[in-house]
């Protein structure tokens, strides 16, 4: 049995544990999203805008606050925090830290990779 070319032939008649549950539908697996590569010759960077990466001419800037004379970055609704953008607060009771990911702060489980 050692040099068998088809390992599933060894387990004829046996089903996988996941298929024994019967009536429950199988979970859909998310497809891996493939990012486009820069169209410049020999460049493998990800496309940012117009088919090219930052190095080959794509421009990318954060939006500025829409209030006249303000140079801060817009957070929500086109304005910065000083001009009315609401800062989201952690949803855990009694916590006043800012939200990082999933409605919670670092202390309550929003870890960056």
PDB file of N, CA and C in Angstrom:
ATOM      1  N   UNK A   1       0.801  -1.191   0.000  1.00  0.00           N
ATOM      2  CA  UNK A   1       0.000   0.000   0.000  1.00  0.00           C
ATOM      3  C   UNK A   1       0.846   1.258   0.000  1.00  0.00           C
ATOM      4  N   UNK A   2       2.112   1.118   0.122  1.00  0.00           N
ATOM      5  CA  UNK A   2       2.955   2.277   0.297  1.00  0.00           C
ATOM      6  C   UNK A   2       3.098   3.138  -0.956  1.00  0.00           C
ATOM      7  N   UNK A   3       3.280   2.633  -2.082  1.00  0.00           N
ATOM      8  CA  UNK A   3       3.534   3.423  -3.278  1.00  0.00           C
ATOM      9  C   UNK A   3       2.277   3.764  -4.054  1.00  0.00           C
ATOM     10  N   UNK A   4       1.148   3.834  -3.394  1.00  0.00           N
ATOM     11  CA  UNK A   4      -0.109   4.097  -4.077  1.00  0.00           C
ATOM     12  C   UNK A   4      -0.114   5.494  -4.676  1.00  0.00           C
ATOM     13  N   UNK A   5      -0.525   5.638  -5.921  1.00  0.00           N
ATOM     14  CA  UNK A   5      -0.520   6.939  -6.579  1.00  0.00           C
ATOM     15  C   UNK A   5      -1.764   7.754  -6.236  1.00  0.00           C
ATOM     16  N   UNK A   6      -2.831   7.117  -5.827  1.00  0.00           N
ATOM     17  CA  UNK A   6      -4.065   7.824  -5.517  1.00  0.00           C
ATOM     18  C   UNK A   6      -4.401   7.614  -4.037  1.00  0.00           C
ATOM     19  N   UNK A   7      -4.121   8.615  -3.171  1.00  0.00           N
ATOM     20  CA  UNK A   7      -4.363   8.436  -1.746  1.00  0.00           C
ATOM     21  C   UNK A   7      -5.833   8.281  -1.404  1.00  0.00           C
ATOM     22  N   UNK A   8      -6.728   8.803  -2.241  1.00  0.00           N
ATOM     23  CA  UNK A   8      -8.150   8.661  -1.941  1.00  0.00           C
ATOM     24  C   UNK A   8      -8.632   7.233  -2.181  1.00  0.00           C
ATOM     25  N   UNK A   9      -7.883   6.467  -2.967  1.00  0.00           N
ATOM     26  CA  UNK A   9      -8.262   5.078  -3.214  1.00  0.00           C
ATOM     27  C   UNK A   9      -8.111   4.238  -1.950  1.00  0.00           C
ATOM     28  N   UNK A  10      -7.245   4.656  -1.037  1.00  0.00           N
ATOM     29  CA  UNK A  10      -7.050   3.936   0.211  1.00  0.00           C
ATOM     30  C   UNK A  10      -8.257   4.075   1.129  1.00  0.00           C
ATOM     31  N   UNK A  11      -9.010   5.144   0.958  1.00  0.00           N
ATOM     32  CA  UNK A  11     -10.125   5.439   1.855  1.00  0.00           C
ATOM     33  C   UNK A  11     -11.462   5.240   1.151  1.00  0.00           C
ATOM     34  N   UNK A  12     -11.562   4.254   0.309  1.00  0.00           N
ATOM     35  CA  UNK A  12     -12.797   4.033  -0.433  1.00  0.00           C
ATOM     36  C   UNK A  12     -13.953   3.799   0.521  1.00  0.00           C
ATOM     37  N   UNK A  13     -15.054   4.454   0.236  1.00  0.00           N
ATOM     38  CA  UNK A  13     -16.233   4.280   1.042  1.00  0.00           C
ATOM     39  C   UNK A  13     -16.291   5.194   2.257  1.00  0.00           C
ATOM     40  N   UNK A  14     -15.203   5.857   2.588  1.00  0.00           N
ATOM     41  CA  UNK A  14     -15.204   6.761   3.731  1.00  0.00           C
ATOM     42  C   UNK A  14     -15.522   8.177   3.264  1.00  0.00           C
ATOM     43  N   UNK A  15     -16.274   8.893   4.076  1.00  0.00           N
ATOM     44  CA  UNK A  15     -16.599  10.272   3.757  1.00  0.00           C
ATOM     45  C   UNK A  15     -15.844  11.196   4.690  1.00  0.00           C
ATOM     46  N   UNK A  16     -15.628  12.406   4.211  1.00  0.00           N
ATOM     47  CA  UNK A  16     -14.988  13.402   5.072  1.00  0.00           C
ATOM     48  C   UNK A  16     -15.952  13.809   6.177  1.00  0.00           C
ATOM     49  N   UNK A  17     -15.396  14.259   7.297  1.00  0.00           N
ATOM     50  CA  UNK A  17     -16.216  14.671   8.427  1.00  0.00           C
ATOM     51  C   UNK A  17     -17.187  15.780   8.052  1.00  0.00           C
ATOM     52  N   UNK A  18     -16.763  16.709   7.205  1.00  0.00           N
ATOM     53  CA  UNK A  18     -17.625  17.833   6.856  1.00  0.00           C
ATOM     54  C   UNK A  18     -18.838  17.393   6.044  1.00  0.00           C
ATOM     55  N   UNK A  19     -18.727  16.308   5.312  1.00  0.00           N
ATOM     56  CA  UNK A  19     -19.856  15.865   4.499  1.00  0.00           C
ATOM     57  C   UNK A  19     -20.812  14.984   5.293  1.00  0.00           C
ATOM     58  N   UNK A  20     -20.466  14.589   6.503  1.00  0.00           N
ATOM     59  CA  UNK A  20     -21.335  13.755   7.310  1.00  0.00           C
ATOM     60  C   UNK A  20     -22.466  14.538   7.959  1.00  0.00           C
ATOM     61  N   UNK A  21     -22.361  15.868   7.967  1.00  0.00           N
ATOM     62  CA  UNK A  21     -23.371  16.690   8.602  1.00  0.00           C
ATOM     63  C   UNK A  21     -24.671  16.703   7.811  1.00  0.00           C
ATOM     64  N   UNK A  22     -24.645  16.320   6.580  1.00  0.00           N
ATOM     65  CA  UNK A  22     -25.847  16.075   5.795  1.00  0.00           C
ATOM     66  C   UNK A  22     -26.611  17.294   5.337  1.00  0.00           C
ATOM     67  N   UNK A  23     -27.606  17.718   6.097  1.00  0.00           N
ATOM     68  CA  UNK A  23     -28.555  18.728   5.657  1.00  0.00           C
ATOM     69  C   UNK A  23     -27.981  20.139   5.573  1.00  0.00           C
ATOM     70  N   UNK A  24     -26.929  20.428   6.277  1.00  0.00           N
ATOM     71  CA  UNK A  24     -26.385  21.777   6.284  1.00  0.00           C
ATOM     72  C   UNK A  24     -25.632  22.071   4.989  1.00  0.00           C
ATOM     73  N   UNK A  25     -25.915  23.252   4.387  1.00  0.00           N
ATOM     74  CA  UNK A  25     -25.186  23.609   3.159  1.00  0.00           C
ATOM     75  C   UNK A  25     -23.731  23.931   3.477  1.00  0.00           C
ATOM     76  N   UNK A  26     -22.869  23.730   2.508  1.00  0.00           N
ATOM     77  CA  UNK A  26     -21.453  24.022   2.687  1.00  0.00           C
ATOM     78  C   UNK A  26     -21.229  25.524   2.675  1.00  0.00           C
ATOM     79  N   UNK A  27     -20.254  25.966   3.433  1.00  0.00           N
ATOM     80  CA  UNK A  27     -19.925  27.381   3.469  1.00  0.00           C
ATOM     81  C   UNK A  27     -19.196  27.768   2.194  1.00  0.00           C
ATOM     82  N   UNK A  28     -19.501  28.963   1.695  1.00  0.00           N
ATOM     83  CA  UNK A  28     -18.815  29.459   0.506  1.00  0.00           C
ATOM     84  C   UNK A  28     -17.461  30.016   0.916  1.00  0.00           C
ATOM     85  N   UNK A  29     -16.467  29.705   0.141  1.00  0.00           N
ATOM     86  CA  UNK A  29     -15.121  30.187   0.402  1.00  0.00           C
ATOM     87  C   UNK A  29     -14.905  31.462  -0.408  1.00  0.00           C
ATOM     88  N   UNK A  30     -14.408  32.502   0.254  1.00  0.00           N
ATOM     89  CA  UNK A  30     -14.168  33.770  -0.428  1.00  0.00           C
ATOM     90  C   UNK A  30     -13.038  33.603  -1.443  1.00  0.00           C
ATOM     91  N   UNK A  31     -13.254  34.142  -2.622  1.00  0.00           N
ATOM     92  CA  UNK A  31     -12.228  34.074  -3.655  1.00  0.00           C
ATOM     93  C   UNK A  31     -11.136  35.084  -3.339  1.00  0.00           C
ATOM     94  N   UNK A  32      -9.906  34.713  -3.613  1.00  0.00           N
ATOM     95  CA  UNK A  32      -8.783  35.608  -3.382  1.00  0.00           C
ATOM     96  C   UNK A  32      -8.794  36.691  -4.455  1.00  0.00           C
ATOM     97  N   UNK A  33      -8.755  37.927  -4.000  1.00  0.00           N
ATOM     98  CA  UNK A  33      -8.781  39.047  -4.928  1.00  0.00           C
ATOM     99  C   UNK A  33      -7.406  39.285  -5.498  1.00  0.00           C
ATOM    100  N   UNK A  34      -7.291  39.272  -6.803  1.00  0.00           N
ATOM    101  CA  UNK A  34      -5.997  39.487  -7.436  1.00  0.00           C
ATOM    102  C   UNK A  34      -5.885  40.948  -7.850  1.00  0.00           C
ATOM    103  N   UNK A  35      -4.866  41.596  -7.355  1.00  0.00           N
ATOM    104  CA  UNK A  35      -4.631  42.997  -7.704  1.00  0.00           C
ATOM    105  C   UNK A  35      -3.933  43.083  -9.051  1.00  0.00           C
ATOM    106  N   UNK A  36      -4.266  44.115  -9.810  1.00  0.00           N
ATOM    107  CA  UNK A  36      -3.623  44.298 -11.103  1.00  0.00           C
ATOM    108  C   UNK A  36      -2.211  44.832 -10.917  1.00  0.00           C
ATOM    109  N   UNK A  37      -1.348  44.476 -11.847  1.00  0.00           N
ATOM    110  CA  UNK A  37       0.032  44.945 -11.808  1.00  0.00           C
ATOM    111  C   UNK A  37       0.204  46.141 -12.724  1.00  0.00           C
ATOM    112  N   UNK A  38       1.203  46.938 -12.432  1.00  0.00           N
ATOM    113  CA  UNK A  38       1.517  48.131 -13.203  1.00  0.00           C
ATOM    114  C   UNK A  38       1.786  47.755 -14.660  1.00  0.00           C
ATOM    115  N   UNK A  39       1.333  48.609 -15.574  1.00  0.00           N
ATOM    116  CA  UNK A  39       1.478  48.304 -16.999  1.00  0.00           C
ATOM    117  C   UNK A  39       2.858  48.687 -17.549  1.00  0.00           C
ATOM    118  N   UNK A  40       3.681  49.323 -16.736  1.00  0.00           N
ATOM    119  CA  UNK A  40       5.037  49.686 -17.167  1.00  0.00           C
ATOM    120  C   UNK A  40       5.892  48.412 -17.287  1.00  0.00           C
ATOM    121  N   UNK A  41       6.770  48.364 -18.273  1.00  0.00           N
ATOM    122  CA  UNK A  41       7.582  47.172 -18.524  1.00  0.00           C
ATOM    123  C   UNK A  41       8.438  46.798 -17.316  1.00  0.00           C
ATOM    124  N   UNK A  42       8.344  45.543 -16.886  1.00  0.00           N
ATOM    125  CA  UNK A  42       9.165  45.017 -15.810  1.00  0.00           C
ATOM    126  C   UNK A  42       8.752  45.416 -14.404  1.00  0.00           C
ATOM    127  N   UNK A  43       7.676  46.152 -14.242  1.00  0.00           N
ATOM    128  CA  UNK A  43       7.235  46.600 -12.914  1.00  0.00           C
ATOM    129  C   UNK A  43       6.161  45.658 -12.384  1.00  0.00           C
ATOM    130  N   UNK A  44       6.324  45.206 -11.144  1.00  0.00           N
ATOM    131  CA  UNK A  44       5.347  44.287 -10.549  1.00  0.00           C
ATOM    132  C   UNK A  44       4.568  44.936  -9.408  1.00  0.00           C
ATOM    133  N   UNK A  45       4.643  46.262  -9.270  1.00  0.00           N
ATOM    134  CA  UNK A  45       3.890  46.959  -8.222  1.00  0.00           C
ATOM    135  C   UNK A  45       2.398  46.943  -8.530  1.00  0.00           C
ATOM    136  N   UNK A  46       1.592  47.201  -7.507  1.00  0.00           N
ATOM    137  CA  UNK A  46       0.148  47.236  -7.693  1.00  0.00           C
ATOM    138  C   UNK A  46      -0.295  48.535  -8.342  1.00  0.00           C
ATOM    139  N   UNK A  47      -1.332  48.434  -9.160  1.00  0.00           N
ATOM    140  CA  UNK A  47      -1.906  49.592  -9.829  1.00  0.00           C
ATOM    141  C   UNK A  47      -2.589  50.481  -8.794  1.00  0.00           C
ATOM    142  N   UNK A  48      -2.391  51.782  -8.906  1.00  0.00           N
ATOM    143  CA  UNK A  48      -3.065  52.735  -8.039  1.00  0.00           C
ATOM    144  C   UNK A  48      -4.141  53.469  -8.828  1.00  0.00           C
ATOM    145  N   UNK A  49      -3.771  54.007  -9.976  1.00  0.00           N
ATOM    146  CA  UNK A  49      -4.729  54.716 -10.814  1.00  0.00           C
ATOM    147  C   UNK A  49      -4.255  54.686 -12.262  1.00  0.00           C
ATOM    148  N   UNK A  50      -5.179  54.590 -13.182  1.00  0.00           N
ATOM    149  CA  UNK A  50      -4.914  54.620 -14.623  1.00  0.00           C
ATOM    150  C   UNK A  50      -3.942  53.548 -15.093  1.00  0.00           C
ATOM    151  N   UNK A  51      -3.947  52.397 -14.445  1.00  0.00           N
ATOM    152  CA  UNK A  51      -3.129  51.276 -14.895  1.00  0.00           C
ATOM    153  C   UNK A  51      -1.671  51.330 -14.509  1.00  0.00           C
ATOM    154  N   UNK A  52      -1.262  52.331 -13.710  1.00  0.00           N
ATOM    155  CA  UNK A  52       0.136  52.432 -13.305  1.00  0.00           C
ATOM    156  C   UNK A  52       0.246  52.607 -11.785  1.00  0.00           C
ATOM    157  N   UNK A  53       1.453  52.330 -11.278  1.00  0.00           N
ATOM    158  CA  UNK A  53       1.727  52.487  -9.850  1.00  0.00           C
ATOM    159  C   UNK A  53       2.183  53.914  -9.569  1.00  0.00           C
ATOM    160  N   UNK A  54       2.431  54.213  -8.308  1.00  0.00           N
ATOM    161  CA  UNK A  54       2.889  55.548  -7.913  1.00  0.00           C
ATOM    162  C   UNK A  54       4.212  55.901  -8.587  1.00  0.00           C
ATOM    163  N   UNK A  55       5.130  54.936  -8.647  1.00  0.00           N
ATOM    164  CA  UNK A  55       6.447  55.179  -9.228  1.00  0.00           C
ATOM    165  C   UNK A  55       6.354  55.592 -10.695  1.00  0.00           C
ATOM    166  N   UNK A  56       5.349  55.087 -11.408  1.00  0.00           N
ATOM    167  CA  UNK A  56       5.252  55.351 -12.844  1.00  0.00           C
ATOM    168  C   UNK A  56       4.169  56.370 -13.203  1.00  0.00           C
ATOM    169  N   UNK A  57       3.768  57.206 -12.245  1.00  0.00           N
ATOM    170  CA  UNK A  57       2.937  58.351 -12.602  1.00  0.00           C
ATOM    171  C   UNK A  57       1.557  58.442 -11.998  1.00  0.00           C
ATOM    172  N   UNK A  58       1.104  57.457 -11.252  1.00  0.00           N
ATOM    173  CA  UNK A  58      -0.219  57.568 -10.643  1.00  0.00           C
ATOM    174  C   UNK A  58      -0.134  58.548  -9.479  1.00  0.00           C
ATOM    175  N   UNK A  59      -1.126  59.407  -9.368  1.00  0.00           N
ATOM    176  CA  UNK A  59      -1.145  60.364  -8.263  1.00  0.00           C
ATOM    177  C   UNK A  59      -2.168  59.927  -7.232  1.00  0.00           C
ATOM    178  N   UNK A  60      -1.826  60.129  -5.974  1.00  0.00           N
ATOM    179  CA  UNK A  60      -2.715  59.748  -4.894  1.00  0.00           C
ATOM    180  C   UNK A  60      -2.529  60.727  -3.757  1.00  0.00           C
ATOM    181  N   UNK A  61      -3.592  61.361  -3.340  1.00  0.00           N
ATOM    182  CA  UNK A  61      -3.515  62.286  -2.217  1.00  0.00           C
ATOM    183  C   UNK A  61      -4.728  62.092  -1.327  1.00  0.00           C
ATOM    184  N   UNK A  62      -4.541  62.372  -0.035  1.00  0.00           N
ATOM    185  CA  UNK A  62      -5.668  62.351   0.890  1.00  0.00           C
ATOM    186  C   UNK A  62      -6.445  63.640   0.699  1.00  0.00           C
ATOM    187  N   UNK A  63      -7.739  63.593   0.915  1.00  0.00           N
ATOM    188  CA  UNK A  63      -8.557  64.793   0.755  1.00  0.00           C
ATOM    189  C   UNK A  63      -8.361  65.731   1.934  1.00  0.00           C
ATOM    190  N   UNK A  64      -8.338  67.005   1.629  1.00  0.00           N
ATOM    191  CA  UNK A  64      -8.198  68.042   2.653  1.00  0.00           C
ATOM    192  C   UNK A  64      -9.586  68.467   3.130  1.00  0.00           C
ATOM    193  N   UNK A  65      -9.619  69.079   4.309  1.00  0.00           N
ATOM    194  CA  UNK A  65     -10.860  69.601   4.880  1.00  0.00           C
ATOM    195  C   UNK A  65     -11.441  70.657   3.940  1.00  0.00           C
ATOM    196  N   UNK A  66     -12.763  70.651   3.800  1.00  0.00           N
ATOM    197  CA  UNK A  66     -13.401  71.559   2.851  1.00  0.00           C
ATOM    198  C   UNK A  66     -13.575  72.976   3.395  1.00  0.00           C
ATOM    199  N   UNK A  67     -13.289  73.209   4.664  1.00  0.00           N
ATOM    200  CA  UNK A  67     -13.393  74.556   5.227  1.00  0.00           C
ATOM    201  C   UNK A  67     -12.272  75.433   4.691  1.00  0.00           C
ATOM    202  N   UNK A  68     -12.593  76.668   4.420  1.00  0.00           N
ATOM    203  CA  UNK A  68     -11.622  77.602   3.854  1.00  0.00           C
ATOM    204  C   UNK A  68     -10.478  77.860   4.831  1.00  0.00           C
ATOM    205  N   UNK A  69      -9.254  77.723   4.350  1.00  0.00           N
ATOM    206  CA  UNK A  69      -8.072  77.999   5.148  1.00  0.00           C
ATOM    207  C   UNK A  69      -7.588  76.833   6.001  1.00  0.00           C
ATOM    208  N   UNK A  70      -8.323  75.742   6.055  1.00  0.00           N
ATOM    209  CA  UNK A  70      -7.933  74.593   6.877  1.00  0.00           C
ATOM    210  C   UNK A  70      -7.068  73.634   6.051  1.00  0.00           C
ATOM    211  N   UNK A  71      -5.952  73.183   6.635  1.00  0.00           N
ATOM    212  CA  UNK A  71      -5.037  72.301   5.911  1.00  0.00           C
ATOM    213  C   UNK A  71      -5.045  70.872   6.464  1.00  0.00           C
ATOM    214  N   UNK A  72      -5.963  70.563   7.383  1.00  0.00           N
ATOM    215  CA  UNK A  72      -6.051  69.219   7.956  1.00  0.00           C
ATOM    216  C   UNK A  72      -6.690  68.251   6.970  1.00  0.00           C
ATOM    217  N   UNK A  73      -6.471  66.965   7.174  1.00  0.00           N
ATOM    218  CA  UNK A  73      -7.081  65.951   6.327  1.00  0.00           C
ATOM    219  C   UNK A  73      -8.533  65.732   6.716  1.00  0.00           C
ATOM    220  N   UNK A  74      -9.387  65.533   5.719  1.00  0.00           N
ATOM    221  CA  UNK A  74     -10.806  65.276   5.968  1.00  0.00           C
ATOM    222  C   UNK A  74     -10.981  63.880   6.549  1.00  0.00           C
ATOM    223  N   UNK A  75     -11.797  63.763   7.568  1.00  0.00           N
ATOM    224  CA  UNK A  75     -12.049  62.478   8.214  1.00  0.00           C
ATOM    225  C   UNK A  75     -13.408  61.910   7.838  1.00  0.00           C
ATOM    226  N   UNK A  76     -14.436  62.744   7.919  1.00  0.00           N
ATOM    227  CA  UNK A  76     -15.787  62.266   7.690  1.00  0.00           C
ATOM    228  C   UNK A  76     -16.627  63.420   7.147  1.00  0.00           C
ATOM    229  N   UNK A  77     -17.344  63.191   6.082  1.00  0.00           N
ATOM    230  CA  UNK A  77     -18.196  64.228   5.524  1.00  0.00           C
ATOM    231  C   UNK A  77     -17.439  65.384   4.898  1.00  0.00           C
ATOM    232  N   UNK A  78     -16.181  65.176   4.529  1.00  0.00           N
ATOM    233  CA  UNK A  78     -15.402  66.205   3.873  1.00  0.00           C
ATOM    234  C   UNK A  78     -14.770  67.219   4.802  1.00  0.00           C
ATOM    235  N   UNK A  79     -14.905  67.016   6.124  1.00  0.00           N
ATOM    236  CA  UNK A  79     -14.314  67.950   7.073  1.00  0.00           C
ATOM    237  C   UNK A  79     -13.427  67.214   8.071  1.00  0.00           C
ATOM    238  N   UNK A  80     -12.546  67.976   8.721  1.00  0.00           N
ATOM    239  CA  UNK A  80     -11.664  67.398   9.732  1.00  0.00           C
ATOM    240  C   UNK A  80     -12.404  67.340  11.078  1.00  0.00           C
ATOM    241  N   UNK A  81     -11.759  66.795  12.076  1.00  0.00           N
ATOM    242  CA  UNK A  81     -12.376  66.674  13.397  1.00  0.00           C
ATOM    243  C   UNK A  81     -12.661  68.049  14.002  1.00  0.00           C
ATOM    244  N   UNK A  82     -11.773  69.022  13.771  1.00  0.00           N
ATOM    245  CA  UNK A  82     -11.971  70.363  14.313  1.00  0.00           C
ATOM    246  C   UNK A  82     -13.216  71.052  13.744  1.00  0.00           C
ATOM    247  N   UNK A  83     -13.614  70.670  12.527  1.00  0.00           N
ATOM    248  CA  UNK A  83     -14.753  71.319  11.885  1.00  0.00           C
ATOM    249  C   UNK A  83     -16.009  70.454  11.841  1.00  0.00           C
ATOM    250  N   UNK A  84     -16.081  69.450  12.689  1.00  0.00           N
ATOM    251  CA  UNK A  84     -17.346  68.738  12.854  1.00  0.00           C
ATOM    252  C   UNK A  84     -17.374  67.265  12.532  1.00  0.00           C
ATOM    253  N   UNK A  85     -16.294  66.679  12.073  1.00  0.00           N
ATOM    254  CA  UNK A  85     -16.310  65.234  11.808  1.00  0.00           C
ATOM    255  C   UNK A  85     -16.364  64.507  13.146  1.00  0.00           C
ATOM    256  N   UNK A  86     -17.274  63.573  13.279  1.00  0.00           N
ATOM    257  CA  UNK A  86     -17.433  62.828  14.516  1.00  0.00           C
ATOM    258  C   UNK A  86     -16.379  61.742  14.606  1.00  0.00           C
ATOM    259  N   UNK A  87     -15.695  61.655  15.727  1.00  0.00           N
ATOM    260  CA  UNK A  87     -14.711  60.605  15.953  1.00  0.00           C
ATOM    261  C   UNK A  87     -15.451  59.412  16.551  1.00  0.00           C
ATOM    262  N   UNK A  88     -15.301  58.259  15.940  1.00  0.00           N
ATOM    263  CA  UNK A  88     -15.986  57.073  16.444  1.00  0.00           C
ATOM    264  C   UNK A  88     -15.285  56.578  17.705  1.00  0.00           C
ATOM    265  N   UNK A  89     -16.079  56.184  18.686  1.00  0.00           N
ATOM    266  CA  UNK A  89     -15.568  55.735  19.976  1.00  0.00           C
ATOM    267  C   UNK A  89     -15.839  54.248  20.130  1.00  0.00           C
ATOM    268  N   UNK A  90     -14.923  53.551  20.794  1.00  0.00           N
ATOM    269  CA  UNK A  90     -15.017  52.105  21.021  1.00  0.00           C
ATOM    270  C   UNK A  90     -16.391  51.737  21.584  1.00  0.00           C
ATOM    271  N   UNK A  91     -16.955  50.631  21.088  1.00  0.00           N
ATOM    272  CA  UNK A  91     -18.306  50.238  21.491  1.00  0.00           C
ATOM    273  C   UNK A  91     -18.357  49.485  22.818  1.00  0.00           C
ATOM    274  N   UNK A  92     -17.213  49.204  23.426  1.00  0.00           N
ATOM    275  CA  UNK A  92     -17.203  48.534  24.721  1.00  0.00           C
ATOM    276  C   UNK A  92     -17.637  49.529  25.809  1.00  0.00           C
ATOM    277  N   UNK A  93     -18.410  49.055  26.734  1.00  0.00           N
ATOM    278  CA  UNK A  93     -18.976  49.915  27.764  1.00  0.00           C
ATOM    279  C   UNK A  93     -17.873  50.584  28.608  1.00  0.00           C
ATOM    280  N   UNK A  94     -17.950  51.899  28.725  1.00  0.00           N
ATOM    281  CA  UNK A  94     -17.012  52.646  29.545  1.00  0.00           C
ATOM    282  C   UNK A  94     -15.702  53.015  28.858  1.00  0.00           C
ATOM    283  N   UNK A  95     -15.464  52.547  27.650  1.00  0.00           N
ATOM    284  CA  UNK A  95     -14.215  52.835  26.948  1.00  0.00           C
ATOM    285  C   UNK A  95     -14.393  54.073  26.074  1.00  0.00           C
ATOM    286  N   UNK A  96     -13.442  55.003  26.178  1.00  0.00           N
ATOM    287  CA  UNK A  96     -13.529  56.241  25.410  1.00  0.00           C
ATOM    288  C   UNK A  96     -12.440  56.345  24.354  1.00  0.00           C
ATOM    289  N   UNK A  97     -11.757  55.236  24.041  1.00  0.00           N
ATOM    290  CA  UNK A  97     -10.706  55.240  23.022  1.00  0.00           C
ATOM    291  C   UNK A  97     -11.317  55.287  21.631  1.00  0.00           C
ATOM    292  N   UNK A  98     -10.529  55.750  20.663  1.00  0.00           N
ATOM    293  CA  UNK A  98     -10.996  55.809  19.283  1.00  0.00           C
ATOM    294  C   UNK A  98     -11.026  54.436  18.633  1.00  0.00           C
ATOM    295  N   UNK A  99     -11.923  54.285  17.689  1.00  0.00           N
ATOM    296  CA  UNK A  99     -12.085  53.020  16.974  1.00  0.00           C
ATOM    297  C   UNK A  99     -10.931  52.821  15.999  1.00  0.00           C
ATOM    298  N   UNK A 100     -10.417  51.604  15.943  1.00  0.00           N
ATOM    299  CA  UNK A 100      -9.374  51.249  14.987  1.00  0.00           C
ATOM    300  C   UNK A 100      -9.954  50.351  13.904  1.00  0.00           C
ATOM    301  N   UNK A 101     -10.634  49.285  14.313  1.00  0.00           N
ATOM    302  CA  UNK A 101     -11.155  48.322  13.353  1.00  0.00           C
ATOM    303  C   UNK A 101     -12.330  47.576  13.978  1.00  0.00           C
ATOM    304  N   UNK A 102     -13.396  47.407  13.226  1.00  0.00           N
ATOM    305  CA  UNK A 102     -14.538  46.627  13.693  1.00  0.00           C
ATOM    306  C   UNK A 102     -15.292  47.239  14.858  1.00  0.00           C
ATOM    307  N   UNK A 103     -15.206  48.550  15.040  1.00  0.00           N
ATOM    308  CA  UNK A 103     -15.938  49.215  16.098  1.00  0.00           C
ATOM    309  C   UNK A 103     -15.282  49.163  17.461  1.00  0.00           C
ATOM    310  N   UNK A 104     -14.060  48.632  17.536  1.00  0.00           N
ATOM    311  CA  UNK A 104     -13.368  48.547  18.820  1.00  0.00           C
ATOM    312  C   UNK A 104     -11.961  49.131  18.720  1.00  0.00           C
ATOM    313  N   UNK A 105     -11.387  49.424  19.898  1.00  0.00           N
ATOM    314  CA  UNK A 105     -10.036  49.976  19.973  1.00  0.00           C
ATOM    315  C   UNK A 105      -9.022  48.839  20.094  1.00  0.00           C
ATOM    316  N   UNK A 106      -7.737  49.197  20.181  1.00  0.00           N
ATOM    317  CA  UNK A 106      -6.682  48.191  20.331  1.00  0.00           C
ATOM    318  C   UNK A 106      -6.900  47.336  21.578  1.00  0.00           C
ATOM    319  N   UNK A 107      -7.226  47.972  22.670  1.00  0.00           N
ATOM    320  CA  UNK A 107      -7.367  47.274  23.941  1.00  0.00           C
ATOM    321  C   UNK A 107      -8.455  46.194  23.886  1.00  0.00           C
ATOM    322  N   UNK A 108      -9.455  46.398  23.056  1.00  0.00           N
ATOM    323  CA  UNK A 108     -10.572  45.449  22.985  1.00  0.00           C
ATOM    324  C   UNK A 108     -10.553  44.565  21.742  1.00  0.00           C
ATOM    325  N   UNK A 109      -9.407  44.444  21.104  1.00  0.00           N
ATOM    326  CA  UNK A 109      -9.256  43.429  20.077  1.00  0.00           C
ATOM    327  C   UNK A 109      -9.045  43.860  18.653  1.00  0.00           C
ATOM    328  N   UNK A 110      -8.859  45.135  18.367  1.00  0.00           N
ATOM    329  CA  UNK A 110      -8.632  45.563  16.985  1.00  0.00           C
ATOM    330  C   UNK A 110      -7.135  45.649  16.732  1.00  0.00           C
ATOM    331  N   UNK A 111      -6.519  44.531  16.427  1.00  0.00           N
ATOM    332  CA  UNK A 111      -5.065  44.503  16.213  1.00  0.00           C
ATOM    333  C   UNK A 111      -4.754  44.672  14.738  1.00  0.00           C
ATOM    334  N   UNK A 112      -3.784  45.496  14.448  1.00  0.00           N
ATOM    335  CA  UNK A 112      -3.341  45.667  13.061  1.00  0.00           C
ATOM    336  C   UNK A 112      -2.315  44.595  12.755  1.00  0.00           C
ATOM    337  N   UNK A 113      -2.275  44.186  11.523  1.00  0.00           N
ATOM    338  CA  UNK A 113      -1.315  43.150  11.117  1.00  0.00           C
ATOM    339  C   UNK A 113      -0.010  43.761  10.720  1.00  0.00           C
TER     340      UNK A 113
END
